[in-house]
């Protein structure tokens, strides 16, 4: 009797200790799913703070051009990668502040933790039918051509981590780099926050 009571107390204590973190992770995963799942009329609180660009603003994606087609916001953009035209829907997009070391495409332990919720979300049933563009960015330190290459390597590193760590088919994720052409904080071109990754829904996937 005493042993069972003690065991029950231990289980209760362990549950109480793990629940807040698990709940926080689950909430983050659910928010990512709601932001990236192309379900008409679905929104999340604070989405205006996390979506990549305001509707009708293709200039936020240098090298991309507006195209036409069905979209909740009407903002479909064409991005060219390896002579392949990829149409993305900026309605369903998130900006992840995955901090890379300066002049590096290596994922830090902190970066892997930051990407864990994304990996869980992309593995979820709600997002499995869809494909996404993973876009890398750099700060403005250095030459534009080098930063372009660095941003491509960063995006590729994120894709590699996601498909190797989570049950995500490799053909669902396409990496691309924007270099220093789209700083998150233009007024602070050298800031670490500019070294980040975006995720956008590939239209028609």
N, C-alpha and C. Protein backbone atom coordinates (compact mmCIF):
# COMPACT_ATOMS: atom_id res chain seq x y z
N UNK A 1 0.83 -1.20 0.00
CA UNK A 1 0.00 0.00 0.00
C UNK A 1 0.87 1.25 0.00
N UNK A 2 1.86 1.21 0.88
CA UNK A 2 2.76 2.36 0.97
C UNK A 2 3.54 2.52 -0.33
N UNK A 3 3.96 1.34 -0.89
CA UNK A 3 4.74 1.40 -2.12
C UNK A 3 3.92 1.98 -3.26
N UNK A 4 2.68 1.59 -3.38
CA UNK A 4 1.81 2.10 -4.43
C UNK A 4 1.57 3.59 -4.26
N UNK A 5 1.38 4.03 -3.03
CA UNK A 5 1.14 5.45 -2.78
C UNK A 5 2.37 6.27 -3.15
N UNK A 6 3.55 5.73 -2.78
CA UNK A 6 4.80 6.44 -3.11
C UNK A 6 4.99 6.53 -4.61
N UNK A 7 4.69 5.41 -5.31
CA UNK A 7 4.82 5.41 -6.76
C UNK A 7 3.86 6.42 -7.38
N UNK A 8 2.65 6.46 -6.86
CA UNK A 8 1.67 7.41 -7.38
C UNK A 8 2.12 8.84 -7.17
N UNK A 9 2.74 9.11 -6.00
CA UNK A 9 3.24 10.45 -5.72
C UNK A 9 4.36 10.83 -6.68
N UNK A 10 5.26 9.86 -6.96
CA UNK A 10 6.37 10.12 -7.88
C UNK A 10 5.86 10.43 -9.28
N UNK A 11 4.88 9.65 -9.72
CA UNK A 11 4.33 9.87 -11.05
C UNK A 11 3.67 11.24 -11.13
N UNK A 12 2.96 11.61 -10.06
CA UNK A 12 2.30 12.91 -10.02
C UNK A 12 3.32 14.04 -10.08
N UNK A 13 4.41 13.88 -9.31
CA UNK A 13 5.43 14.92 -9.30
C UNK A 13 6.12 15.04 -10.65
N UNK A 14 6.43 13.91 -11.28
CA UNK A 14 7.07 13.94 -12.58
C UNK A 14 6.16 14.57 -13.62
N UNK A 15 4.86 14.25 -13.50
CA UNK A 15 3.90 14.82 -14.44
C UNK A 15 3.82 16.32 -14.26
N UNK A 16 3.81 16.77 -13.02
CA UNK A 16 3.71 18.20 -12.75
C UNK A 16 4.94 18.94 -13.25
N UNK A 17 6.10 18.26 -13.17
CA UNK A 17 7.33 18.92 -13.61
C UNK A 17 7.43 19.01 -15.13
N UNK A 18 6.90 18.00 -15.83
CA UNK A 18 7.08 17.96 -17.28
C UNK A 18 5.96 18.64 -18.05
N UNK A 19 4.81 18.78 -17.44
CA UNK A 19 3.66 19.30 -18.16
C UNK A 19 3.86 20.71 -18.72
N UNK A 20 4.36 21.67 -17.96
CA UNK A 20 4.49 23.03 -18.51
C UNK A 20 5.35 23.08 -19.77
N UNK A 21 6.50 22.41 -19.79
CA UNK A 21 7.37 22.42 -20.95
C UNK A 21 6.70 21.73 -22.13
N UNK A 22 6.08 20.58 -21.86
CA UNK A 22 5.41 19.85 -22.93
C UNK A 22 4.26 20.67 -23.50
N UNK A 23 3.53 21.34 -22.61
CA UNK A 23 2.40 22.15 -23.06
C UNK A 23 2.88 23.32 -23.91
N UNK A 24 4.01 23.92 -23.50
CA UNK A 24 4.56 25.04 -24.25
C UNK A 24 4.99 24.60 -25.64
N UNK A 25 5.66 23.43 -25.71
CA UNK A 25 6.10 22.90 -27.00
C UNK A 25 4.91 22.57 -27.88
N UNK A 26 3.90 21.91 -27.30
CA UNK A 26 2.72 21.55 -28.07
C UNK A 26 2.00 22.79 -28.59
N UNK A 27 1.95 23.83 -27.78
CA UNK A 27 1.31 25.07 -28.21
C UNK A 27 2.08 25.71 -29.37
N UNK A 28 3.40 25.68 -29.28
CA UNK A 28 4.23 26.26 -30.35
C UNK A 28 4.05 25.47 -31.64
N UNK A 29 4.02 24.15 -31.54
CA UNK A 29 3.83 23.30 -32.71
C UNK A 29 2.48 23.58 -33.35
N UNK A 30 1.45 23.70 -32.53
CA UNK A 30 0.11 23.96 -33.05
C UNK A 30 0.02 25.33 -33.73
N UNK A 31 0.71 26.32 -33.20
CA UNK A 31 0.72 27.64 -33.83
C UNK A 31 1.40 27.59 -35.20
N UNK A 32 2.48 26.82 -35.29
CA UNK A 32 3.16 26.68 -36.57
C UNK A 32 2.25 25.99 -37.58
N UNK A 33 1.58 24.95 -37.14
CA UNK A 33 0.66 24.23 -38.03
C UNK A 33 -0.43 25.16 -38.53
N UNK A 34 -1.01 25.94 -37.62
CA UNK A 34 -2.10 26.83 -38.02
C UNK A 34 -1.60 27.93 -38.97
N UNK A 35 -0.34 28.31 -38.86
CA UNK A 35 0.20 29.34 -39.74
C UNK A 35 0.55 28.80 -41.12
N UNK A 36 0.96 27.54 -41.19
CA UNK A 36 1.46 26.97 -42.44
C UNK A 36 0.47 26.09 -43.17
N UNK A 37 -0.62 25.69 -42.51
CA UNK A 37 -1.61 24.83 -43.15
C UNK A 37 -2.54 25.66 -44.02
N UNK A 38 -2.65 25.34 -45.29
CA UNK A 38 -3.51 26.12 -46.20
C UNK A 38 -4.98 25.78 -46.03
N UNK A 39 -5.53 26.22 -44.90
CA UNK A 39 -6.94 26.00 -44.61
C UNK A 39 -7.62 27.35 -44.60
N UNK A 40 -8.56 27.57 -45.46
CA UNK A 40 -9.20 28.88 -45.63
C UNK A 40 -9.79 29.36 -44.32
N UNK A 41 -9.53 30.64 -44.04
CA UNK A 41 -10.14 31.27 -42.88
C UNK A 41 -9.46 30.97 -41.57
N UNK A 42 -8.37 30.22 -41.59
CA UNK A 42 -7.70 29.83 -40.36
C UNK A 42 -6.63 30.86 -40.01
N UNK A 43 -6.67 31.37 -38.80
CA UNK A 43 -5.69 32.36 -38.36
C UNK A 43 -5.25 32.03 -36.94
N UNK A 44 -4.19 32.68 -36.49
CA UNK A 44 -3.74 32.52 -35.12
C UNK A 44 -3.51 33.89 -34.51
N UNK A 45 -3.55 33.93 -33.20
CA UNK A 45 -3.31 35.20 -32.52
C UNK A 45 -1.88 35.64 -32.77
N UNK A 46 -1.70 36.91 -33.09
CA UNK A 46 -0.37 37.45 -33.30
C UNK A 46 0.22 37.11 -34.64
N UNK A 47 -0.58 36.59 -35.59
CA UNK A 47 -0.03 36.19 -36.87
C UNK A 47 0.59 37.36 -37.62
N UNK A 48 0.06 38.55 -37.40
CA UNK A 48 0.62 39.70 -38.11
C UNK A 48 2.06 39.96 -37.69
N UNK A 49 2.46 39.40 -36.56
CA UNK A 49 3.83 39.60 -36.12
C UNK A 49 4.79 38.57 -36.71
N UNK A 50 4.25 37.45 -37.22
CA UNK A 50 5.12 36.38 -37.66
C UNK A 50 5.06 36.13 -39.16
N UNK A 51 4.02 36.60 -39.85
CA UNK A 51 4.00 36.39 -41.28
C UNK A 51 5.10 37.22 -41.93
N UNK A 52 5.57 36.75 -43.06
CA UNK A 52 6.77 37.32 -43.64
C UNK A 52 6.57 38.66 -44.31
N UNK A 53 5.44 38.84 -44.93
CA UNK A 53 5.25 40.05 -45.70
C UNK A 53 3.79 40.43 -45.74
N UNK A 54 3.54 41.72 -45.84
CA UNK A 54 2.15 42.16 -45.94
C UNK A 54 1.57 41.76 -47.29
N UNK A 55 0.28 41.43 -47.37
CA UNK A 55 -0.32 41.09 -48.66
C UNK A 55 -0.05 42.18 -49.70
N UNK A 56 0.31 41.73 -50.90
CA UNK A 56 0.53 42.68 -51.98
C UNK A 56 1.90 43.32 -51.97
N UNK A 57 2.86 42.69 -51.30
CA UNK A 57 4.18 43.29 -51.21
C UNK A 57 5.26 42.34 -51.73
N UNK A 58 5.25 42.02 -53.03
CA UNK A 58 6.26 41.11 -53.56
C UNK A 58 7.67 41.68 -53.50
N UNK A 59 7.81 42.99 -53.31
CA UNK A 59 9.13 43.59 -53.23
C UNK A 59 9.91 43.08 -52.03
N UNK A 60 9.20 42.47 -51.07
CA UNK A 60 9.89 41.92 -49.90
C UNK A 60 10.71 40.69 -50.26
N UNK A 61 10.53 40.17 -51.47
CA UNK A 61 11.28 39.00 -51.92
C UNK A 61 12.07 39.36 -53.17
N UNK A 62 13.26 39.88 -53.03
CA UNK A 62 14.05 40.27 -54.21
C UNK A 62 14.23 39.09 -55.15
N UNK A 63 14.08 39.32 -56.43
CA UNK A 63 14.22 38.27 -57.42
C UNK A 63 12.95 37.50 -57.65
N UNK A 64 11.92 37.76 -56.84
CA UNK A 64 10.65 37.07 -57.00
C UNK A 64 9.68 37.98 -57.74
N UNK A 65 8.77 37.38 -58.48
CA UNK A 65 7.79 38.15 -59.22
C UNK A 65 6.39 37.67 -58.87
N UNK A 66 5.45 38.60 -58.93
CA UNK A 66 4.07 38.24 -58.63
C UNK A 66 3.49 37.40 -59.76
N UNK A 67 2.69 36.44 -59.38
CA UNK A 67 1.97 35.65 -60.37
C UNK A 67 0.50 35.65 -59.98
N UNK A 68 -0.32 34.96 -60.73
CA UNK A 68 -1.75 34.95 -60.43
C UNK A 68 -2.18 33.55 -60.05
N UNK A 69 -3.30 33.46 -59.37
CA UNK A 69 -3.83 32.17 -58.97
C UNK A 69 -4.58 32.29 -57.67
N UNK A 70 -5.27 31.23 -57.27
CA UNK A 70 -6.05 31.28 -56.04
C UNK A 70 -5.18 31.32 -54.81
N UNK A 71 -5.44 32.26 -53.95
CA UNK A 71 -4.72 32.39 -52.70
C UNK A 71 -5.59 33.20 -51.76
N UNK A 72 -5.52 32.87 -50.48
CA UNK A 72 -6.35 33.59 -49.53
C UNK A 72 -6.03 35.07 -49.53
N UNK A 73 -4.78 35.41 -49.75
CA UNK A 73 -4.38 36.81 -49.77
C UNK A 73 -4.17 37.32 -51.19
N UNK A 74 -4.10 36.38 -52.15
CA UNK A 74 -3.84 36.76 -53.52
C UNK A 74 -2.38 37.03 -53.79
N UNK A 75 -1.47 36.72 -52.84
CA UNK A 75 -0.06 36.98 -53.03
C UNK A 75 0.67 35.68 -53.32
N UNK A 76 0.81 35.37 -54.59
CA UNK A 76 1.61 34.24 -55.03
C UNK A 76 2.85 34.79 -55.71
N UNK A 77 4.01 34.30 -55.33
CA UNK A 77 5.25 34.80 -55.90
C UNK A 77 6.06 33.68 -56.53
N UNK A 78 6.75 34.00 -57.60
CA UNK A 78 7.62 33.04 -58.27
C UNK A 78 9.06 33.24 -57.81
N UNK A 79 9.68 32.17 -57.40
CA UNK A 79 11.09 32.19 -57.01
C UNK A 79 11.81 31.17 -57.89
N UNK A 80 12.94 31.57 -58.47
CA UNK A 80 13.68 30.68 -59.35
C UNK A 80 14.84 30.03 -58.59
N UNK A 81 14.90 28.71 -58.66
CA UNK A 81 16.01 27.98 -58.03
C UNK A 81 16.50 26.93 -59.02
N UNK A 82 17.77 27.01 -59.39
CA UNK A 82 18.35 26.07 -60.34
C UNK A 82 17.51 25.97 -61.60
N UNK A 83 17.12 27.10 -62.12
CA UNK A 83 16.33 27.22 -63.35
C UNK A 83 14.93 26.61 -63.21
N UNK A 84 14.53 26.37 -61.99
CA UNK A 84 13.19 25.87 -61.72
C UNK A 84 12.37 26.96 -61.08
N UNK A 85 11.18 27.19 -61.62
CA UNK A 85 10.30 28.22 -61.06
C UNK A 85 9.44 27.60 -59.96
N UNK A 86 9.53 28.17 -58.78
CA UNK A 86 8.76 27.70 -57.62
C UNK A 86 7.78 28.80 -57.23
N UNK A 87 6.52 28.48 -57.16
CA UNK A 87 5.51 29.45 -56.77
C UNK A 87 5.20 29.26 -55.29
N UNK A 88 5.36 30.33 -54.52
CA UNK A 88 5.09 30.25 -53.09
C UNK A 88 3.91 31.16 -52.73
N UNK A 89 3.20 30.78 -51.71
CA UNK A 89 2.06 31.55 -51.23
C UNK A 89 2.47 32.20 -49.91
N UNK A 90 2.66 33.51 -49.93
CA UNK A 90 3.15 34.21 -48.75
C UNK A 90 2.12 34.34 -47.64
N UNK A 91 0.89 33.89 -47.91
CA UNK A 91 -0.11 33.87 -46.84
C UNK A 91 0.31 32.89 -45.75
N UNK A 92 0.93 31.80 -46.18
CA UNK A 92 1.28 30.73 -45.25
C UNK A 92 2.80 30.70 -45.11
N UNK A 93 3.31 31.52 -44.20
CA UNK A 93 4.75 31.67 -44.07
C UNK A 93 5.11 32.06 -42.65
N UNK A 94 6.29 31.67 -42.22
CA UNK A 94 6.79 32.04 -40.90
C UNK A 94 8.26 32.39 -40.99
N UNK A 95 8.69 33.26 -40.12
CA UNK A 95 10.06 33.70 -40.02
C UNK A 95 10.66 33.10 -38.74
N UNK A 96 11.68 32.27 -38.90
CA UNK A 96 12.32 31.64 -37.74
C UNK A 96 13.67 32.28 -37.50
N UNK A 97 13.86 32.75 -36.30
CA UNK A 97 15.13 33.37 -35.94
C UNK A 97 16.10 32.28 -35.49
N UNK A 98 16.63 31.57 -36.48
CA UNK A 98 17.61 30.52 -36.23
C UNK A 98 18.98 31.17 -36.30
N UNK A 99 19.58 31.39 -35.17
CA UNK A 99 20.83 32.14 -35.13
C UNK A 99 22.02 31.25 -35.49
N UNK A 100 22.70 31.63 -36.56
CA UNK A 100 23.91 30.94 -36.98
C UNK A 100 25.12 31.69 -36.45
N UNK A 101 26.21 30.99 -36.22
CA UNK A 101 27.45 31.69 -35.88
C UNK A 101 27.86 32.59 -37.05
N UNK A 102 28.61 33.62 -36.74
CA UNK A 102 29.06 34.53 -37.78
C UNK A 102 29.85 33.77 -38.84
N UNK A 103 29.53 34.03 -40.13
CA UNK A 103 30.25 33.44 -41.26
C UNK A 103 30.20 31.91 -41.24
N UNK A 104 29.08 31.34 -40.82
CA UNK A 104 28.98 29.89 -40.71
C UNK A 104 27.58 29.41 -41.07
N UNK A 105 27.53 28.18 -41.59
CA UNK A 105 26.24 27.54 -41.87
C UNK A 105 25.99 26.39 -40.91
N UNK A 106 26.82 26.30 -39.85
CA UNK A 106 26.66 25.23 -38.87
C UNK A 106 25.50 25.54 -37.93
N UNK A 107 24.71 24.53 -37.65
CA UNK A 107 23.60 24.69 -36.71
C UNK A 107 24.13 24.52 -35.29
N UNK A 108 23.90 25.51 -34.45
CA UNK A 108 24.29 25.42 -33.06
C UNK A 108 23.27 24.57 -32.30
N UNK A 109 23.60 24.09 -31.11
CA UNK A 109 22.61 23.37 -30.31
C UNK A 109 21.34 24.20 -30.08
N UNK A 110 21.50 25.50 -29.88
CA UNK A 110 20.34 26.37 -29.70
C UNK A 110 19.49 26.40 -30.97
N UNK A 111 20.15 26.44 -32.12
CA UNK A 111 19.42 26.46 -33.38
C UNK A 111 18.62 25.17 -33.56
N UNK A 112 19.20 24.05 -33.18
CA UNK A 112 18.50 22.77 -33.29
C UNK A 112 17.27 22.75 -32.39
N UNK A 113 17.40 23.33 -31.22
CA UNK A 113 16.25 23.42 -30.32
C UNK A 113 15.17 24.30 -30.91
N UNK A 114 15.58 25.41 -31.54
CA UNK A 114 14.62 26.32 -32.14
C UNK A 114 13.88 25.67 -33.30
N UNK A 115 14.55 24.75 -34.01
CA UNK A 115 13.96 24.10 -35.16
C UNK A 115 13.14 22.86 -34.79
N UNK A 116 13.23 22.43 -33.54
CA UNK A 116 12.53 21.21 -33.14
C UNK A 116 11.02 21.33 -33.31
N UNK A 117 10.46 22.45 -32.91
CA UNK A 117 9.01 22.62 -33.05
C UNK A 117 8.60 22.64 -34.52
N UNK A 118 9.44 23.25 -35.37
CA UNK A 118 9.16 23.25 -36.81
C UNK A 118 9.17 21.83 -37.35
N UNK A 119 10.16 21.06 -36.95
CA UNK A 119 10.23 19.68 -37.39
C UNK A 119 9.01 18.87 -36.98
N UNK A 120 8.56 19.07 -35.75
CA UNK A 120 7.36 18.37 -35.29
C UNK A 120 6.13 18.81 -36.08
N UNK A 121 6.05 20.10 -36.36
CA UNK A 121 4.90 20.61 -37.11
C UNK A 121 4.88 20.07 -38.53
N UNK A 122 6.03 20.08 -39.20
CA UNK A 122 6.09 19.58 -40.57
C UNK A 122 5.83 18.08 -40.64
N UNK A 123 6.05 17.39 -39.52
CA UNK A 123 5.78 15.95 -39.46
C UNK A 123 4.32 15.65 -39.17
N UNK A 124 3.57 16.65 -38.73
CA UNK A 124 2.19 16.44 -38.32
C UNK A 124 1.29 16.12 -39.50
N UNK A 125 0.22 15.42 -39.21
CA UNK A 125 -0.73 15.00 -40.24
C UNK A 125 -1.26 16.18 -41.03
N UNK A 126 -1.50 17.31 -40.37
CA UNK A 126 -2.09 18.47 -41.04
C UNK A 126 -1.19 19.04 -42.15
N UNK A 127 0.13 18.90 -41.99
CA UNK A 127 1.05 19.50 -42.96
C UNK A 127 1.69 18.49 -43.91
N UNK A 128 1.51 17.21 -43.65
CA UNK A 128 2.16 16.19 -44.47
C UNK A 128 1.84 16.27 -45.96
N UNK A 129 0.64 16.71 -46.36
CA UNK A 129 0.36 16.76 -47.81
C UNK A 129 1.07 17.90 -48.54
N UNK A 130 1.73 18.80 -47.83
CA UNK A 130 2.22 20.02 -48.45
C UNK A 130 3.75 20.09 -48.47
N UNK A 131 4.25 20.93 -49.39
CA UNK A 131 5.69 21.16 -49.51
C UNK A 131 6.00 22.61 -49.18
N UNK A 132 7.25 22.85 -48.76
CA UNK A 132 7.62 24.18 -48.29
C UNK A 132 8.98 24.61 -48.79
N UNK A 133 9.11 25.92 -49.00
CA UNK A 133 10.38 26.52 -49.36
C UNK A 133 11.09 26.95 -48.07
N UNK A 134 12.33 26.55 -47.91
CA UNK A 134 13.14 26.94 -46.76
C UNK A 134 14.16 27.96 -47.26
N UNK A 135 14.00 29.21 -46.86
CA UNK A 135 14.83 30.30 -47.37
C UNK A 135 15.82 30.79 -46.32
N UNK A 136 17.09 30.83 -46.70
CA UNK A 136 18.12 31.30 -45.79
C UNK A 136 18.50 32.74 -46.04
N UNK A 137 18.94 33.43 -44.98
CA UNK A 137 19.32 34.85 -45.06
C UNK A 137 20.61 35.08 -44.28
N UNK A 138 21.33 36.12 -44.67
CA UNK A 138 22.55 36.51 -43.95
C UNK A 138 22.42 37.96 -43.49
N UNK A 139 23.41 38.41 -42.74
CA UNK A 139 23.52 39.83 -42.46
C UNK A 139 24.25 40.48 -43.64
N UNK A 140 24.56 41.76 -43.53
CA UNK A 140 25.16 42.49 -44.66
C UNK A 140 26.67 42.64 -44.53
N UNK A 141 27.30 41.84 -43.68
CA UNK A 141 28.75 41.89 -43.56
C UNK A 141 29.36 41.05 -44.67
N UNK A 142 30.29 41.59 -45.41
CA UNK A 142 30.94 40.84 -46.47
C UNK A 142 30.38 41.13 -47.84
N UNK A 143 30.87 40.41 -48.83
CA UNK A 143 30.47 40.62 -50.21
C UNK A 143 29.12 39.95 -50.50
N UNK A 144 28.27 40.60 -51.29
CA UNK A 144 26.95 40.03 -51.60
C UNK A 144 27.02 38.63 -52.20
N UNK A 145 27.98 38.39 -53.10
CA UNK A 145 28.08 37.08 -53.74
C UNK A 145 28.39 35.99 -52.71
N UNK A 146 29.30 36.31 -51.78
CA UNK A 146 29.63 35.34 -50.74
C UNK A 146 28.44 35.10 -49.82
N UNK A 147 27.75 36.17 -49.46
CA UNK A 147 26.59 36.04 -48.58
C UNK A 147 25.47 35.25 -49.25
N UNK A 148 25.34 35.39 -50.57
CA UNK A 148 24.35 34.60 -51.29
C UNK A 148 24.65 33.11 -51.14
N UNK A 149 25.91 32.75 -51.32
CA UNK A 149 26.32 31.35 -51.17
C UNK A 149 26.11 30.87 -49.74
N UNK A 150 26.45 31.73 -48.77
CA UNK A 150 26.29 31.37 -47.36
C UNK A 150 24.82 31.14 -47.01
N UNK A 151 23.95 31.98 -47.53
CA UNK A 151 22.51 31.82 -47.23
C UNK A 151 21.98 30.52 -47.82
N UNK A 152 22.48 30.14 -48.98
CA UNK A 152 22.07 28.88 -49.59
C UNK A 152 22.51 27.69 -48.74
N UNK A 153 23.75 27.78 -48.22
CA UNK A 153 24.26 26.70 -47.37
C UNK A 153 23.50 26.61 -46.05
N UNK A 154 23.10 27.76 -45.53
CA UNK A 154 22.32 27.75 -44.28
C UNK A 154 20.96 27.11 -44.49
N UNK A 155 20.32 27.46 -45.58
CA UNK A 155 19.02 26.86 -45.86
C UNK A 155 19.15 25.35 -46.06
N UNK A 156 20.20 24.95 -46.77
CA UNK A 156 20.42 23.52 -46.99
C UNK A 156 20.70 22.80 -45.68
N UNK A 157 21.42 23.45 -44.77
CA UNK A 157 21.70 22.83 -43.47
C UNK A 157 20.43 22.62 -42.67
N UNK A 158 19.51 23.56 -42.76
CA UNK A 158 18.24 23.42 -42.05
C UNK A 158 17.43 22.27 -42.64
N UNK A 159 17.37 22.20 -43.96
CA UNK A 159 16.63 21.11 -44.61
C UNK A 159 17.24 19.76 -44.23
N UNK A 160 18.55 19.67 -44.26
CA UNK A 160 19.21 18.42 -43.91
C UNK A 160 18.88 18.01 -42.48
N UNK A 161 18.93 18.96 -41.55
CA UNK A 161 18.61 18.65 -40.16
C UNK A 161 17.16 18.16 -40.03
N UNK A 162 16.24 18.83 -40.68
CA UNK A 162 14.83 18.48 -40.55
C UNK A 162 14.53 17.09 -41.10
N UNK A 163 15.07 16.77 -42.28
CA UNK A 163 14.75 15.47 -42.88
C UNK A 163 15.49 14.33 -42.20
N UNK A 164 16.64 14.63 -41.59
CA UNK A 164 17.39 13.58 -40.90
C UNK A 164 16.89 13.34 -39.48
N UNK A 165 16.23 14.34 -38.91
CA UNK A 165 15.82 14.24 -37.51
C UNK A 165 14.34 13.89 -37.35
N UNK A 166 13.53 14.26 -38.32
CA UNK A 166 12.09 14.05 -38.23
C UNK A 166 11.60 13.26 -39.44
N UNK A 167 10.44 12.60 -39.33
CA UNK A 167 9.91 11.84 -40.46
C UNK A 167 9.32 12.74 -41.53
N UNK A 168 10.20 13.46 -42.23
CA UNK A 168 9.81 14.40 -43.27
C UNK A 168 10.46 13.96 -44.58
N UNK A 169 9.66 13.73 -45.61
CA UNK A 169 10.20 13.34 -46.91
C UNK A 169 11.05 14.48 -47.48
N UNK A 170 12.22 14.15 -48.00
CA UNK A 170 13.15 15.17 -48.48
C UNK A 170 12.58 15.97 -49.64
N UNK A 171 11.67 15.38 -50.42
CA UNK A 171 11.13 16.12 -51.57
C UNK A 171 10.05 17.12 -51.17
N UNK A 172 9.73 17.20 -49.87
CA UNK A 172 8.75 18.19 -49.40
C UNK A 172 9.40 19.53 -49.09
N UNK A 173 10.71 19.56 -48.96
CA UNK A 173 11.40 20.79 -48.57
C UNK A 173 12.40 21.18 -49.65
N UNK A 174 12.36 22.43 -50.08
CA UNK A 174 13.29 22.96 -51.08
C UNK A 174 14.01 24.15 -50.47
N UNK A 175 15.32 24.13 -50.51
CA UNK A 175 16.10 25.21 -49.91
C UNK A 175 16.46 26.25 -50.96
N UNK A 176 16.54 27.49 -50.52
CA UNK A 176 16.91 28.60 -51.40
C UNK A 176 17.55 29.68 -50.53
N UNK A 177 18.42 30.48 -51.11
CA UNK A 177 19.06 31.56 -50.36
C UNK A 177 18.75 32.92 -50.94
N UNK A 178 18.54 33.90 -50.07
CA UNK A 178 18.33 35.28 -50.49
C UNK A 178 19.53 36.17 -50.15
N UNK A 179 20.55 35.58 -49.55
CA UNK A 179 21.73 36.37 -49.20
C UNK A 179 21.39 37.51 -48.26
N UNK A 180 21.97 38.69 -48.55
CA UNK A 180 21.74 39.87 -47.71
C UNK A 180 20.67 40.78 -48.31
N UNK A 181 19.96 40.29 -49.33
CA UNK A 181 19.03 41.15 -50.06
C UNK A 181 17.75 41.43 -49.30
N UNK A 182 17.47 40.68 -48.24
CA UNK A 182 16.24 40.94 -47.48
C UNK A 182 16.54 40.90 -45.99
N UNK A 183 17.12 41.98 -45.50
CA UNK A 183 17.45 42.08 -44.08
C UNK A 183 16.18 42.23 -43.26
N UNK A 184 16.14 41.55 -42.15
CA UNK A 184 14.99 41.70 -41.27
C UNK A 184 14.99 43.07 -40.60
N UNK A 185 16.19 43.53 -40.26
CA UNK A 185 16.33 44.86 -39.65
C UNK A 185 17.29 45.67 -40.51
N UNK A 186 16.80 46.33 -41.55
CA UNK A 186 17.68 47.08 -42.45
C UNK A 186 18.53 48.13 -41.75
N UNK A 187 18.00 48.68 -40.67
CA UNK A 187 18.74 49.71 -39.95
C UNK A 187 19.92 49.15 -39.17
N UNK A 188 19.97 47.83 -39.00
CA UNK A 188 21.08 47.17 -38.31
C UNK A 188 21.59 46.03 -39.18
N UNK A 189 22.24 46.36 -40.28
CA UNK A 189 22.62 45.34 -41.26
C UNK A 189 23.58 44.27 -40.75
N UNK A 190 24.30 44.57 -39.67
CA UNK A 190 25.25 43.60 -39.13
C UNK A 190 24.66 42.76 -38.00
N UNK A 191 23.42 43.01 -37.63
CA UNK A 191 22.82 42.33 -36.48
C UNK A 191 22.61 40.84 -36.73
N UNK A 192 22.77 40.06 -35.67
CA UNK A 192 22.62 38.61 -35.77
C UNK A 192 21.20 38.20 -36.17
N UNK A 193 20.21 39.01 -35.85
CA UNK A 193 18.83 38.68 -36.15
C UNK A 193 18.58 38.56 -37.66
N UNK A 194 19.46 39.16 -38.46
CA UNK A 194 19.32 39.05 -39.91
C UNK A 194 19.72 37.67 -40.43
N UNK A 195 20.47 36.91 -39.62
CA UNK A 195 20.89 35.57 -40.02
C UNK A 195 19.79 34.59 -39.60
N UNK A 196 18.84 34.37 -40.50
CA UNK A 196 17.65 33.63 -40.13
C UNK A 196 17.14 32.77 -41.28
N UNK A 197 16.04 32.08 -41.01
CA UNK A 197 15.43 31.18 -41.99
C UNK A 197 13.94 31.44 -42.06
N UNK A 198 13.40 31.43 -43.28
CA UNK A 198 11.97 31.57 -43.51
C UNK A 198 11.41 30.26 -44.04
N UNK A 199 10.12 30.04 -43.78
CA UNK A 199 9.42 28.87 -44.31
C UNK A 199 8.17 29.37 -45.02
N UNK A 200 8.00 28.98 -46.29
CA UNK A 200 6.84 29.42 -47.08
C UNK A 200 6.20 28.22 -47.77
N UNK A 201 4.89 28.23 -47.83
CA UNK A 201 4.15 27.18 -48.52
C UNK A 201 4.38 27.24 -50.02
N UNK A 202 4.68 26.10 -50.62
CA UNK A 202 4.77 26.02 -52.08
C UNK A 202 3.37 25.81 -52.62
N UNK A 203 2.92 26.75 -53.41
CA UNK A 203 1.55 26.71 -53.92
C UNK A 203 1.33 25.48 -54.79
N UNK A 204 0.14 24.90 -54.64
CA UNK A 204 -0.23 23.74 -55.45
C UNK A 204 0.34 22.44 -54.94
N UNK A 205 1.02 22.47 -53.80
CA UNK A 205 1.61 21.22 -53.28
C UNK A 205 0.56 20.40 -52.56
